[in-house]
Amino acid sequence: NLLDNQSNTATFVLPEQGETGDIILNEILFNPPSEGTDFVEVYNNSDKYINLQDWKLSNHNDDAKTISETAVVMPPQTYLLLTADKEIILNLYQNADENLVWEMSSLPSFPSDDGSVVLINNLDTEVDRFDYQDDFHFGLLQDDDGVSLERIDFSAPTNDPNNWHSAASDAEFATPTKLNSQNVRSPINTASQDCISLNEEIITPDGDGFRDILQLRYECQKSGVLATIKIYDATGREIRTLLQNQLISTTGFIAWDGLDQNNKKTAIGYYVILIELYDLDGNTDVIKKKVVVGARF
């Protein structure tokens, strides 16, 4: 049952079985500051009430730890932060909701360079997995200790590196129990008549959580499409290759963080994104998009 503290009434629900895609990995801190601790945040992306009793959290070494031996019911569209030390989390992150922080007896080991976070349900089925690397962090960070990796899009694949980004600086580099600072909030440009659209026309890639990332979304409705995506500055100089003759899915996205090929921040100005699509039947398509790299003052 779920207790409503404000009305002092109890709401009774019948939990349903959680399956793949219902509970998803949403935020991970695997390199905490010296006074901190690891955490893994999950999100109920379904319309179900799901009991996490006997669910497990594991890593690349199959070091599985039970989340809870008692009932822990997640309502639809809610967060739950998993940690081995609730007190440390609440001391470090004053805005965290203590009711959404669950203290496990211990967490699996999550190395600071690369590793895996695996979510296993009560039927011993792997329902979500993220194979992370330290270099998934924003390239301009001088120090990523204490910086979490946040999921960008609930609907995009978990194990796509493009779907993760460092938490914003103005969010204190982590958003436990809250909406991710890098969550996609801007609507996709529905005026586009081709299969590529942008989530932003202007980006300000400074790590503050506002328009940090450009998403090039594609919905080409055809399999077997190869793509080359390059970015050019206003003088026509190529400054970044996002894809080079790579097979893409029928739907998905590629992210650009505003950095050039040398991991340096690009200058303020206009940039052209050149997308070349072709298939094995010899069909080709060239699409150009324009984006502005700006700055907030």
Protein backbone atom coordinates (compact mmCIF):
# COMPACT_ATOMS: atom_id res chain seq x y z
CA ASN A 1 0.00 0.00 0.00
CA LEU A 2 1.00 3.62 -0.54
CA LEU A 3 0.48 6.06 2.31
CA ASP A 4 -0.75 9.58 1.58
CA ASN A 5 0.71 11.62 4.43
CA GLN A 6 -1.22 14.78 3.60
CA SER A 7 -4.70 13.26 3.75
CA ASN A 8 -3.72 10.56 6.24
CA THR A 9 -5.37 7.94 4.05
CA ALA A 10 -4.02 4.76 2.55
CA THR A 11 -4.23 3.86 -1.13
CA PHE A 12 -4.14 0.16 -1.97
CA VAL A 13 -2.77 -0.97 -5.31
CA LEU A 14 -2.08 -4.33 -6.91
CA PRO A 15 1.52 -4.35 -8.16
CA GLU A 16 2.18 -5.80 -11.61
CA GLN A 17 5.19 -7.73 -12.87
CA GLY A 18 7.99 -5.46 -14.03
CA GLU A 19 9.37 -6.38 -17.45
CA THR A 20 12.00 -5.07 -19.84
CA GLY A 21 11.43 -1.36 -20.50
CA ASP A 22 9.29 -0.77 -17.43
CA ILE A 23 11.97 0.16 -14.90
CA ILE A 24 14.94 1.80 -16.59
CA LEU A 25 18.36 3.08 -15.52
CA ASN A 26 18.28 6.87 -15.38
CA GLU A 27 21.32 8.31 -13.58
CA ILE A 28 24.61 6.84 -12.36
CA LEU A 29 27.37 8.16 -10.13
CA PHE A 30 30.32 5.77 -10.33
CA ASN A 31 33.10 8.24 -9.43
CA PRO A 32 31.87 10.01 -6.28
CA PRO A 33 33.77 12.77 -4.48
CA SER A 34 35.92 11.76 -1.51
CA GLU A 35 33.07 12.48 0.91
CA GLY A 36 30.43 10.86 -1.32
CA THR A 37 29.18 7.45 -2.35
CA ASP A 38 28.05 5.67 -5.52
CA PHE A 39 24.41 5.71 -6.52
CA VAL A 40 22.16 4.35 -9.25
CA GLU A 41 18.82 5.98 -10.01
CA VAL A 42 16.01 4.07 -11.70
CA TYR A 43 12.81 5.39 -13.24
CA ASN A 44 9.42 3.72 -13.66
CA ASN A 45 8.74 4.39 -17.33
CA SER A 46 5.48 2.42 -17.33
CA ASP A 47 1.90 2.85 -16.16
CA LYS A 48 2.32 0.00 -13.68
CA TYR A 49 2.84 -0.09 -9.94
CA ILE A 50 5.92 -2.31 -9.67
CA ASN A 51 7.28 -4.01 -6.57
CA LEU A 52 11.09 -4.13 -6.50
CA GLN A 53 11.18 -6.82 -3.84
CA ASP A 54 13.82 -9.43 -4.77
CA TRP A 55 15.07 -7.33 -7.69
CA LYS A 56 18.85 -7.07 -8.03
CA LEU A 57 21.49 -4.61 -9.11
CA SER A 58 24.58 -6.10 -10.71
CA ASN A 59 27.78 -5.19 -12.56
CA HIS A 60 30.07 -6.56 -15.28
CA ASN A 61 31.38 -9.20 -12.86
CA ASP A 62 27.88 -10.53 -12.10
CA ASP A 63 28.23 -9.19 -8.56
CA ALA A 64 24.49 -9.03 -7.93
CA LYS A 65 23.07 -7.30 -4.84
CA THR A 66 19.44 -7.57 -3.76
CA ILE A 67 17.66 -4.21 -3.79
CA SER A 68 15.19 -5.19 -1.08
CA GLU A 69 13.90 -8.31 0.65
CA THR A 70 10.70 -6.47 1.54
CA ALA A 71 8.10 -4.70 -0.58
CA VAL A 72 9.22 -1.48 -2.33
CA VAL A 73 6.48 -0.34 -4.70
CA MET A 74 7.32 2.22 -7.40
CA PRO A 75 4.32 4.14 -8.77
CA PRO A 76 4.27 5.04 -12.49
CA GLN A 77 6.62 7.82 -13.65
CA THR A 78 8.56 8.02 -10.40
CA TYR A 79 12.25 7.89 -9.48
CA LEU A 80 14.06 5.77 -6.91
CA LEU A 81 17.67 6.30 -5.91
CA LEU A 82 19.63 3.20 -4.86
CA THR A 83 22.62 3.68 -2.58
CA ALA A 84 24.48 2.00 0.26
CA ASP A 85 24.45 5.15 2.42
CA LYS A 86 21.28 7.23 2.49
CA GLU A 87 22.67 9.68 5.04
CA ILE A 88 25.60 10.65 2.82
CA ILE A 89 23.29 11.21 -0.15
CA LEU A 90 20.95 13.46 1.82
CA ASN A 91 23.86 15.44 3.27
CA LEU A 92 25.45 16.00 -0.15
CA TYR A 93 22.26 16.69 -2.11
CA GLN A 94 19.97 18.94 -0.10
CA ASN A 95 17.23 18.88 -2.78
CA ALA A 96 16.95 15.10 -2.87
CA ASP A 97 13.63 13.64 -1.73
CA GLU A 98 14.46 11.34 1.19
CA ASN A 99 11.32 9.29 0.48
CA LEU A 100 12.77 8.37 -2.92
CA VAL A 101 16.17 7.25 -1.62
CA TRP A 102 16.45 3.54 -0.86
CA GLU A 103 19.38 2.27 1.17
CA MET A 104 20.63 -1.15 0.13
CA SER A 105 22.86 -3.24 2.36
CA SER A 106 25.58 -2.80 -0.28
CA LEU A 107 26.03 -1.86 -3.94
CA PRO A 108 27.95 -3.81 -6.56
CA SER A 109 31.36 -2.41 -7.43
CA PHE A 110 31.22 0.27 -10.13
CA PRO A 111 34.79 1.13 -11.26
CA SER A 112 35.57 4.76 -12.06
CA ASP A 113 37.01 4.07 -15.54
CA ASP A 114 34.51 1.67 -17.13
CA GLY A 115 31.97 -0.91 -16.06
CA SER A 116 28.38 -2.05 -16.30
CA VAL A 117 25.17 -1.40 -14.40
CA VAL A 118 22.66 -4.23 -14.75
CA LEU A 119 19.09 -4.27 -13.44
CA ILE A 120 17.57 -7.73 -12.83
CA ASN A 121 13.94 -8.34 -11.88
CA ASN A 122 12.51 -10.85 -9.42
CA LEU A 123 12.33 -13.49 -12.17
CA ASP A 124 16.10 -13.20 -12.67
CA THR A 125 15.56 -11.52 -16.04
CA GLU A 126 17.89 -8.71 -17.11
CA VAL A 127 15.54 -5.80 -17.73
CA ASP A 128 18.07 -3.01 -18.36
CA ARG A 129 21.81 -2.52 -18.78
CA PHE A 130 24.26 0.31 -19.27
CA ASP A 131 27.90 -0.31 -20.18
CA TYR A 132 29.58 2.94 -19.25
CA GLN A 133 32.99 4.48 -19.81
CA ASP A 134 34.57 7.44 -18.08
CA ASP A 135 35.05 9.23 -21.41
CA PHE A 136 31.25 9.42 -21.84
CA HIS A 137 31.56 12.55 -19.68
CA PHE A 138 31.47 16.03 -21.21
CA GLY A 139 34.83 16.68 -22.87
CA LEU A 140 35.40 20.08 -21.26
CA LEU A 141 35.14 18.84 -17.69
CA GLN A 142 38.44 19.34 -15.91
CA ASP A 143 37.46 16.84 -13.21
CA ASP A 144 34.58 14.39 -13.38
CA ASP A 145 34.78 13.24 -9.76
CA GLY A 146 31.33 13.71 -8.27
CA VAL A 147 29.71 14.19 -11.70
CA SER A 148 26.91 11.79 -12.54
CA LEU A 149 26.00 10.51 -15.98
CA GLU A 150 22.37 11.31 -16.76
CA ARG A 151 20.06 9.68 -19.25
CA ILE A 152 18.92 12.15 -21.92
CA ASP A 153 15.81 10.45 -23.31
CA PHE A 154 13.53 7.88 -21.66
CA SER A 155 12.51 6.46 -25.04
CA ALA A 156 16.01 6.07 -26.50
CA PRO A 157 18.05 2.88 -25.89
CA THR A 158 19.77 2.70 -22.51
CA ASN A 159 23.03 1.29 -23.85
CA ASP A 160 23.54 4.03 -26.44
CA PRO A 161 26.40 6.34 -25.34
CA ASN A 162 24.63 9.19 -27.17
CA ASN A 163 21.80 8.88 -24.64
CA TRP A 164 23.99 9.90 -21.68
CA HIS A 165 25.62 13.16 -20.67
CA SER A 166 27.34 14.66 -17.65
CA ALA A 167 24.95 16.36 -15.21
CA ALA A 168 24.94 20.14 -15.41
CA SER A 169 27.08 22.37 -13.23
CA ASP A 170 24.13 24.43 -11.98
CA ALA A 171 22.51 21.20 -10.80
CA GLU A 172 25.60 20.55 -8.65
CA PHE A 173 26.61 17.87 -11.15
CA ALA A 174 23.92 15.39 -10.06
CA THR A 175 20.12 15.32 -9.78
CA PRO A 176 19.21 12.42 -7.45
CA THR A 177 15.41 11.85 -7.25
CA LYS A 178 14.80 14.83 -9.59
CA LEU A 179 14.32 15.45 -13.32
CA ASN A 180 17.67 15.08 -15.03
CA SER A 181 19.37 18.34 -15.92
CA GLN A 182 20.13 16.91 -19.37
CA ASN A 183 16.62 15.56 -19.95
CA VAL A 184 15.27 16.38 -23.41
CA ARG A 185 12.63 19.04 -22.81
CA SER A 186 12.48 20.84 -26.15
CA PRO A 187 9.99 19.66 -28.78
CA ILE A 188 11.32 18.31 -32.05
CA ASN A 189 10.96 20.62 -35.03
CA THR A 190 7.81 19.23 -36.67
CA ALA A 191 8.15 21.58 -39.67
CA SER A 192 10.90 19.43 -41.14
CA GLN A 193 9.84 17.69 -44.35
CA ASP A 194 12.68 15.16 -44.37
CA CYS A 195 13.56 12.36 -42.01
CA ILE A 196 16.10 14.37 -39.98
CA SER A 197 15.06 16.95 -37.41
CA LEU A 198 16.78 18.94 -34.66
CA ASN A 199 15.63 19.42 -31.10
CA GLU A 200 17.25 22.87 -30.96
CA GLU A 201 18.15 25.65 -33.40
CA ILE A 202 20.52 27.26 -30.89
CA ILE A 203 22.75 25.47 -28.39
CA THR A 204 24.89 26.89 -25.57
CA PRO A 205 27.23 24.01 -24.65
CA ASP A 206 28.57 25.24 -21.33
CA GLY A 207 27.45 22.42 -19.01
CA ASP A 208 24.72 24.41 -17.25
CA GLY A 209 21.89 22.09 -18.32
CA PHE A 210 20.24 24.59 -20.69
CA ARG A 211 20.54 23.76 -24.40
CA ASP A 212 23.82 21.94 -23.86
CA ILE A 213 23.16 19.22 -26.39
CA LEU A 214 21.99 19.14 -29.98
CA GLN A 215 20.01 16.06 -30.94
CA LEU A 216 19.80 15.08 -34.60
CA ARG A 217 16.80 12.79 -34.66
CA TYR A 218 16.16 10.55 -37.60
CA GLU A 219 13.07 8.63 -38.62
CA CYS A 220 13.81 7.37 -42.10
CA GLN A 221 11.23 4.55 -42.20
CA LYS A 222 13.65 2.29 -44.00
CA SER A 223 16.21 -0.22 -42.81
CA GLY A 224 19.70 -0.61 -44.25
CA VAL A 225 20.45 3.11 -44.40
CA LEU A 226 24.06 4.26 -44.07
CA ALA A 227 24.81 7.77 -42.81
CA THR A 228 27.70 10.21 -42.79
CA ILE A 229 27.15 13.27 -40.61
CA LYS A 230 29.67 16.12 -40.52
CA ILE A 231 29.64 19.62 -39.08
CA TYR A 232 31.15 22.64 -40.84
CA ASP A 233 31.74 26.17 -39.65
CA ALA A 234 30.67 29.31 -41.52
CA THR A 235 33.87 29.26 -43.64
CA GLY A 236 33.17 25.70 -44.82
CA ARG A 237 35.86 24.14 -42.63
CA GLU A 238 35.00 20.67 -41.33
CA ILE A 239 35.16 20.73 -37.54
CA ARG A 240 33.56 17.45 -36.45
CA THR A 241 32.53 14.08 -37.87
CA LEU A 242 29.66 12.50 -35.93
CA LEU A 243 29.15 9.48 -38.19
CA GLN A 244 31.18 8.09 -41.06
CA ASN A 245 29.44 5.53 -43.29
CA GLN A 246 27.66 3.96 -40.34
CA LEU A 247 24.52 1.85 -40.45
CA ILE A 248 21.70 3.58 -38.57
CA SER A 249 18.41 2.32 -37.22
CA THR A 250 15.10 3.36 -38.75
CA THR A 251 14.61 5.70 -35.79
CA GLY A 252 17.07 7.15 -33.31
CA PHE A 253 19.28 10.14 -32.68
CA ILE A 254 22.87 11.35 -32.70
CA ALA A 255 24.02 13.92 -30.14
CA TRP A 256 26.48 16.79 -30.57
CA ASP A 257 27.89 18.48 -27.49
CA GLY A 258 29.29 21.53 -29.29
CA LEU A 259 32.90 20.30 -29.29
CA ASP A 260 35.17 19.94 -32.28
CA GLN A 261 37.18 16.92 -33.36
CA ASN A 262 39.91 17.77 -30.81
CA ASN A 263 37.42 17.97 -27.92
CA LYS A 264 37.68 21.76 -27.85
CA LYS A 265 34.70 24.09 -27.55
CA THR A 266 33.63 25.58 -30.87
CA ALA A 267 33.42 29.32 -31.39
CA ILE A 268 30.13 31.21 -31.26
CA GLY A 269 28.50 31.32 -34.69
CA TYR A 270 26.60 29.44 -37.38
CA TYR A 271 27.34 25.82 -38.25
CA VAL A 272 26.09 23.61 -41.04
CA ILE A 273 25.32 19.98 -40.45
CA LEU A 274 25.70 17.92 -43.61
CA ILE A 275 23.90 14.57 -43.55
CA GLU A 276 24.48 12.09 -46.36
CA LEU A 277 22.18 9.06 -46.48
CA TYR A 278 22.42 6.14 -48.86
CA ASP A 279 21.34 2.52 -49.09
CA LEU A 280 22.47 -0.63 -50.88
CA ASP A 281 19.97 0.02 -53.70
CA GLY A 282 21.93 3.11 -54.72
CA ASN A 283 19.45 5.64 -53.34
CA THR A 284 21.10 8.74 -51.91
CA ASP A 285 19.93 11.82 -50.05
CA VAL A 286 21.82 14.89 -48.87
CA ILE A 287 20.30 17.00 -46.09
CA LYS A 288 21.64 20.26 -44.69
CA LYS A 289 20.70 21.71 -41.31
CA LYS A 290 21.84 24.92 -39.67
CA VAL A 291 22.49 25.39 -35.97
CA VAL A 292 23.83 28.30 -33.94
CA VAL A 293 26.36 27.83 -31.17
CA GLY A 294 25.77 30.63 -28.69
CA ALA A 295 26.63 31.56 -25.13
CA ARG A 296 24.69 32.71 -22.11
CA PHE A 297 25.78 35.93 -20.44
